[in-house]
PDB file of all heavy atoms in Angstrom:
ATOM      1  N   LEU A   1     -79.888 110.099  17.198  1.00  0.00           N
ATOM      2  CA  LEU A   1     -78.714 109.381  17.228  1.00  0.00           C
ATOM      3  C   LEU A   1     -78.899 108.082  18.144  1.00  0.00           C
ATOM      4  O   LEU A   1     -78.506 106.949  17.658  1.00  0.00           O
ATOM      5  CB  LEU A   1     -77.512 110.162  17.776  1.00  0.00           C
ATOM      6  CG  LEU A   1     -76.244 109.393  17.995  1.00  0.00           C
ATOM      7  CD1 LEU A   1     -75.692 108.763  16.726  1.00  0.00           C
ATOM      8  CD2 LEU A   1     -75.210 110.291  18.630  1.00  0.00           C
ATOM      9  N   LEU A   2     -79.533 108.205  19.228  1.00  0.00           N
ATOM     10  CA  LEU A   2     -79.761 107.147  20.126  1.00  0.00           C
ATOM     11  C   LEU A   2     -80.697 106.049  19.427  1.00  0.00           C
ATOM     12  O   LEU A   2     -80.443 104.825  19.558  1.00  0.00           O
ATOM     13  CB  LEU A   2     -80.491 107.584  21.415  1.00  0.00           C
ATOM     14  CG  LEU A   2     -80.265 106.776  22.653  1.00  0.00           C
ATOM     15  CD1 LEU A   2     -78.793 106.468  22.906  1.00  0.00           C
ATOM     16  CD2 LEU A   2     -80.854 107.467  23.874  1.00  0.00           C
ATOM     17  N   ARG A   3     -81.600 106.490  18.608  1.00  0.00           N
ATOM     18  CA  ARG A   3     -82.405 105.540  17.899  1.00  0.00           C
ATOM     19  C   ARG A   3     -81.603 104.799  16.845  1.00  0.00           C
ATOM     20  O   ARG A   3     -81.843 103.601  16.622  1.00  0.00           O
ATOM     21  CB  ARG A   3     -83.624 106.324  17.228  1.00  0.00           C
ATOM     22  CG  ARG A   3     -84.687 106.713  18.164  1.00  0.00           C
ATOM     23  CD  ARG A   3     -85.778 107.522  17.443  1.00  0.00           C
ATOM     24  NE  ARG A   3     -86.623 108.172  18.409  1.00  0.00           N
ATOM     25  CZ  ARG A   3     -87.658 107.595  18.984  1.00  0.00           C
ATOM     26  NH1 ARG A   3     -87.994 106.312  18.725  1.00  0.00           N
ATOM     27  NH2 ARG A   3     -88.446 108.289  19.885  1.00  0.00           N
ATOM     28  N   LYS A   4     -80.643 105.492  16.196  1.00  0.00           N
ATOM     29  CA  LYS A   4     -79.750 104.878  15.231  1.00  0.00           C
ATOM     30  C   LYS A   4     -78.982 103.746  15.916  1.00  0.00           C
ATOM     31  O   LYS A   4     -78.847 102.687  15.429  1.00  0.00           O
ATOM     32  CB  LYS A   4     -78.807 105.804  14.611  1.00  0.00           C
ATOM     33  CG  LYS A   4     -79.355 106.582  13.448  1.00  0.00           C
ATOM     34  CD  LYS A   4     -78.244 107.456  12.807  1.00  0.00           C
ATOM     35  CE  LYS A   4     -78.764 108.022  11.550  1.00  0.00           C
ATOM     36  NZ  LYS A   4     -77.871 107.847  10.465  1.00  0.00           N
ATOM     37  N   LEU A   5     -78.456 104.073  17.101  1.00  0.00           N
ATOM     38  CA  LEU A   5     -77.661 103.085  17.849  1.00  0.00           C
ATOM     39  C   LEU A   5     -78.592 101.924  18.232  1.00  0.00           C
ATOM     40  O   LEU A   5     -78.086 100.739  18.172  1.00  0.00           O
ATOM     41  CB  LEU A   5     -77.056 103.742  19.095  1.00  0.00           C
ATOM     42  CG  LEU A   5     -76.014 104.833  18.831  1.00  0.00           C
ATOM     43  CD1 LEU A   5     -75.565 105.428  20.167  1.00  0.00           C
ATOM     44  CD2 LEU A   5     -74.845 104.286  18.030  1.00  0.00           C
ATOM     45  N   ALA A   6     -79.756 102.159  18.679  1.00  0.00           N
ATOM     46  CA  ALA A   6     -80.690 101.097  19.039  1.00  0.00           C
ATOM     47  C   ALA A   6     -80.977 100.176  17.869  1.00  0.00           C
ATOM     48  O   ALA A   6     -81.099  98.991  18.003  1.00  0.00           O
ATOM     49  CB  ALA A   6     -81.969 101.693  19.656  1.00  0.00           C
ATOM     50  N   THR A   7     -81.186 100.798  16.757  1.00  0.00           N
ATOM     51  CA  THR A   7     -81.489 100.054  15.486  1.00  0.00           C
ATOM     52  C   THR A   7     -80.279  99.110  15.226  1.00  0.00           C
ATOM     53  O   THR A   7     -80.443  97.961  14.861  1.00  0.00           O
ATOM     54  CB  THR A   7     -81.750 100.913  14.280  1.00  0.00           C
ATOM     55  OG1 THR A   7     -82.863 101.709  14.608  1.00  0.00           O
ATOM     56  CG2 THR A   7     -81.983 100.147  13.038  1.00  0.00           C
ATOM     57  N   ARG A   8     -79.022  99.615  15.297  1.00  0.00           N
ATOM     58  CA  ARG A   8     -77.861  98.795  15.051  1.00  0.00           C
ATOM     59  C   ARG A   8     -77.748  97.646  16.105  1.00  0.00           C
ATOM     60  O   ARG A   8     -77.428  96.503  15.765  1.00  0.00           O
ATOM     61  CB  ARG A   8     -76.611  99.649  15.120  1.00  0.00           C
ATOM     62  CG  ARG A   8     -76.141 100.211  13.828  1.00  0.00           C
ATOM     63  CD  ARG A   8     -76.266  99.355  12.604  1.00  0.00           C
ATOM     64  NE  ARG A   8     -75.204  98.428  12.424  1.00  0.00           N
ATOM     65  CZ  ARG A   8     -75.202  97.410  11.614  1.00  0.00           C
ATOM     66  NH1 ARG A   8     -76.202  97.218  10.740  1.00  0.00           N
ATOM     67  NH2 ARG A   8     -74.157  96.604  11.483  1.00  0.00           N
ATOM     68  N   CYS A   9     -78.052  97.997  17.333  1.00  0.00           N
ATOM     69  CA  CYS A   9     -78.008  96.958  18.452  1.00  0.00           C
ATOM     70  C   CYS A   9     -78.998  95.883  18.113  1.00  0.00           C
ATOM     71  O   CYS A   9     -78.737  94.664  18.395  1.00  0.00           O
ATOM     72  CB  CYS A   9     -78.329  97.608  19.797  1.00  0.00           C
ATOM     73  SG  CYS A   9     -77.037  98.546  20.485  1.00  0.00           S
ATOM     74  N   ALA A  10     -80.202  96.260  17.579  1.00  0.00           N
ATOM     75  CA  ALA A  10     -81.252  95.227  17.246  1.00  0.00           C
ATOM     76  C   ALA A  10     -80.743  94.351  16.127  1.00  0.00           C
ATOM     77  O   ALA A  10     -80.870  93.150  16.163  1.00  0.00           O
ATOM     78  CB  ALA A  10     -82.525  95.883  16.867  1.00  0.00           C
ATOM     79  N   VAL A  11     -80.123  94.968  15.114  1.00  0.00           N
ATOM     80  CA  VAL A  11     -79.641  94.219  13.950  1.00  0.00           C
ATOM     81  C   VAL A  11     -78.540  93.279  14.387  1.00  0.00           C
ATOM     82  O   VAL A  11     -78.466  92.084  13.963  1.00  0.00           O
ATOM     83  CB  VAL A  11     -79.109  95.147  12.848  1.00  0.00           C
ATOM     84  CG1 VAL A  11     -78.288  94.379  11.829  1.00  0.00           C
ATOM     85  CG2 VAL A  11     -80.238  95.965  12.230  1.00  0.00           C
ATOM     86  N   LEU A  12     -77.654  93.713  15.263  1.00  0.00           N
ATOM     87  CA  LEU A  12     -76.552  92.868  15.751  1.00  0.00           C
ATOM     88  C   LEU A  12     -76.954  91.961  16.961  1.00  0.00           C
ATOM     89  O   LEU A  12     -76.106  91.136  17.361  1.00  0.00           O
ATOM     90  CB  LEU A  12     -75.372  93.773  16.196  1.00  0.00           C
ATOM     91  CG  LEU A  12     -74.795  94.653  15.078  1.00  0.00           C
ATOM     92  CD1 LEU A  12     -73.875  95.711  15.665  1.00  0.00           C
ATOM     93  CD2 LEU A  12     -74.117  93.833  14.030  1.00  0.00           C
ATOM     94  N   ASP A  13     -78.187  92.082  17.431  1.00  0.00           N
ATOM     95  CA  ASP A  13     -78.685  91.325  18.577  1.00  0.00           C
ATOM     96  C   ASP A  13     -77.694  91.401  19.764  1.00  0.00           C
ATOM     97  O   ASP A  13     -77.335  90.467  20.364  1.00  0.00           O
ATOM     98  CB  ASP A  13     -78.896  89.897  18.216  1.00  0.00           C
ATOM     99  CG  ASP A  13     -79.685  89.112  19.258  1.00  0.00           C
ATOM    100  OD1 ASP A  13     -80.485  89.782  19.966  1.00  0.00           O
ATOM    101  OD2 ASP A  13     -79.526  87.902  19.415  1.00  0.00           O
ATOM    102  N   LEU A  14     -77.324  92.674  20.103  1.00  0.00           N
ATOM    103  CA  LEU A  14     -76.404  92.893  21.190  1.00  0.00           C
ATOM    104  C   LEU A  14     -77.074  92.801  22.550  1.00  0.00           C
ATOM    105  O   LEU A  14     -78.282  93.121  22.655  1.00  0.00           O
ATOM    106  CB  LEU A  14     -75.669  94.243  21.040  1.00  0.00           C
ATOM    107  CG  LEU A  14     -74.827  94.373  19.797  1.00  0.00           C
ATOM    108  CD1 LEU A  14     -74.204  95.746  19.714  1.00  0.00           C
ATOM    109  CD2 LEU A  14     -73.703  93.288  19.842  1.00  0.00           C
ATOM    110  N   ARG A  15     -76.335  92.445  23.608  1.00  0.00           N
ATOM    111  CA  ARG A  15     -76.872  92.232  24.949  1.00  0.00           C
ATOM    112  C   ARG A  15     -76.025  93.005  25.931  1.00  0.00           C
ATOM    113  O   ARG A  15     -74.868  93.276  25.746  1.00  0.00           O
ATOM    114  CB  ARG A  15     -76.835  90.725  25.302  1.00  0.00           C
ATOM    115  CG  ARG A  15     -77.470  89.789  24.348  1.00  0.00           C
ATOM    116  CD  ARG A  15     -78.945  89.931  24.405  1.00  0.00           C
ATOM    117  NE  ARG A  15     -79.555  89.094  23.413  1.00  0.00           N
ATOM    118  CZ  ARG A  15     -80.690  88.455  23.584  1.00  0.00           C
ATOM    119  NH1 ARG A  15     -81.308  88.486  24.726  1.00  0.00           N
ATOM    120  NH2 ARG A  15     -81.165  87.791  22.595  1.00  0.00           N
ATOM    121  N   VAL A  16     -76.643  93.386  27.050  1.00  0.00           N
ATOM    122  CA  VAL A  16     -75.971  94.092  28.142  1.00  0.00           C
ATOM    123  C   VAL A  16     -75.344  92.987  28.986  1.00  0.00           C
ATOM    124  O   VAL A  16     -75.968  92.050  29.421  1.00  0.00           O
ATOM    125  CB  VAL A  16     -76.962  94.876  29.031  1.00  0.00           C
ATOM    126  CG1 VAL A  16     -76.291  95.609  30.197  1.00  0.00           C
ATOM    127  CG2 VAL A  16     -77.726  95.879  28.228  1.00  0.00           C
ATOM    128  N   HIS A  17     -73.978  93.142  29.181  1.00  0.00           N
ATOM    129  CA  HIS A  17     -73.236  92.087  29.930  1.00  0.00           C
ATOM    130  C   HIS A  17     -72.590  92.640  31.190  1.00  0.00           C
ATOM    131  O   HIS A  17     -71.692  91.980  31.755  1.00  0.00           O
ATOM    132  CB  HIS A  17     -72.226  91.422  29.024  1.00  0.00           C
ATOM    133  CG  HIS A  17     -71.138  92.370  28.562  1.00  0.00           C
ATOM    134  ND1 HIS A  17     -71.306  93.237  27.521  1.00  0.00           N
ATOM    135  CD2 HIS A  17     -69.861  92.634  28.975  1.00  0.00           C
ATOM    136  CE1 HIS A  17     -70.236  93.933  27.305  1.00  0.00           C
ATOM    137  NE2 HIS A  17     -69.377  93.572  28.170  1.00  0.00           N
ATOM    138  N   ARG A  18     -72.919  93.802  31.564  1.00  0.00           N
ATOM    139  CA  ARG A  18     -72.365  94.449  32.731  1.00  0.00           C
ATOM    140  C   ARG A  18     -73.478  95.129  33.516  1.00  0.00           C
ATOM    141  O   ARG A  18     -74.630  95.114  33.119  1.00  0.00           O
ATOM    142  CB  ARG A  18     -71.295  95.485  32.334  1.00  0.00           C
ATOM    143  CG  ARG A  18     -71.828  96.494  31.259  1.00  0.00           C
ATOM    144  CD  ARG A  18     -70.873  97.508  30.827  1.00  0.00           C
ATOM    145  NE  ARG A  18     -69.846  96.906  29.971  1.00  0.00           N
ATOM    146  CZ  ARG A  18     -68.804  97.521  29.471  1.00  0.00           C
ATOM    147  NH1 ARG A  18     -68.571  98.684  29.773  1.00  0.00           N
ATOM    148  NH2 ARG A  18     -67.996  96.881  28.705  1.00  0.00           N
ATOM    149  N   SER A  19     -73.153  95.860  34.587  1.00  0.00           N
ATOM    150  CA  SER A  19     -74.172  96.504  35.397  1.00  0.00           C
ATOM    151  C   SER A  19     -74.752  97.647  34.588  1.00  0.00           C
ATOM    152  O   SER A  19     -74.116  98.227  33.652  1.00  0.00           O
ATOM    153  CB  SER A  19     -73.559  97.044  36.670  1.00  0.00           C
ATOM    154  OG  SER A  19     -72.699  98.195  36.409  1.00  0.00           O
ATOM    155  N   ASP A  20     -76.014  98.022  34.958  1.00  0.00           N
ATOM    156  CA  ASP A  20     -76.659  99.068  34.238  1.00  0.00           C
ATOM    157  C   ASP A  20     -75.854 100.422  34.387  1.00  0.00           C
ATOM    158  O   ASP A  20     -75.781 101.145  33.437  1.00  0.00           O
ATOM    159  CB  ASP A  20     -78.114  99.296  34.714  1.00  0.00           C
ATOM    160  CG  ASP A  20     -79.123  98.418  34.068  1.00  0.00           C
ATOM    161  OD1 ASP A  20     -78.655  97.443  33.399  1.00  0.00           O
ATOM    162  OD2 ASP A  20     -80.327  98.623  34.256  1.00  0.00           O
ATOM    163  N   GLU A  21     -75.281 100.636  35.506  1.00  0.00           N
ATOM    164  CA  GLU A  21     -74.497 101.830  35.744  1.00  0.00           C
ATOM    165  C   GLU A  21     -73.323 101.947  34.827  1.00  0.00           C
ATOM    166  O   GLU A  21     -73.052 102.958  34.212  1.00  0.00           O
ATOM    167  CB  GLU A  21     -74.066 101.945  37.229  1.00  0.00           C
ATOM    168  CG  GLU A  21     -75.135 102.075  38.203  1.00  0.00           C
ATOM    169  CD  GLU A  21     -75.872 100.740  38.565  1.00  0.00           C
ATOM    170  OE1 GLU A  21     -75.294  99.690  38.270  1.00  0.00           O
ATOM    171  OE2 GLU A  21     -76.924 100.894  39.131  1.00  0.00           O
ATOM    172  N   GLU A  22     -72.621 100.831  34.694  1.00  0.00           N
ATOM    173  CA  GLU A  22     -71.456 100.837  33.743  1.00  0.00           C
ATOM    174  C   GLU A  22     -71.863 100.988  32.294  1.00  0.00           C
ATOM    175  O   GLU A  22     -71.312 101.809  31.579  1.00  0.00           O
ATOM    176  CB  GLU A  22     -70.712  99.562  33.857  1.00  0.00           C
ATOM    177  CG  GLU A  22     -69.943  99.310  35.151  1.00  0.00           C
ATOM    178  CD  GLU A  22     -69.313  97.946  35.183  1.00  0.00           C
ATOM    179  OE1 GLU A  22     -70.038  96.896  35.103  1.00  0.00           O
ATOM    180  OE2 GLU A  22     -68.045  97.894  35.332  1.00  0.00           O
ATOM    181  N   ALA A  23     -72.910 100.325  31.893  1.00  0.00           N
ATOM    182  CA  ALA A  23     -73.373 100.446  30.504  1.00  0.00           C
ATOM    183  C   ALA A  23     -73.917 101.834  30.209  1.00  0.00           C
ATOM    184  O   ALA A  23     -73.657 102.383  29.200  1.00  0.00           O
ATOM    185  CB  ALA A  23     -74.482  99.410  30.282  1.00  0.00           C
ATOM    186  N   LEU A  24     -74.592 102.366  31.243  1.00  0.00           N
ATOM    187  CA  LEU A  24     -75.202 103.753  31.081  1.00  0.00           C
ATOM    188  C   LEU A  24     -74.047 104.713  30.900  1.00  0.00           C
ATOM    189  O   LEU A  24     -74.165 105.691  30.056  1.00  0.00           O
ATOM    190  CB  LEU A  24     -76.105 104.078  32.276  1.00  0.00           C
ATOM    191  CG  LEU A  24     -76.820 105.415  32.262  1.00  0.00           C
ATOM    192  CD1 LEU A  24     -77.709 105.486  31.034  1.00  0.00           C
ATOM    193  CD2 LEU A  24     -77.618 105.579  33.510  1.00  0.00           C
TER     194      LEU A  24
END
């Protein structure tokens, strides 16, 4: 599932815009 999400993030070119703790 995490790989699916990563693939979608790559397609959408998404970026982390908050602290690692919040995003995690």
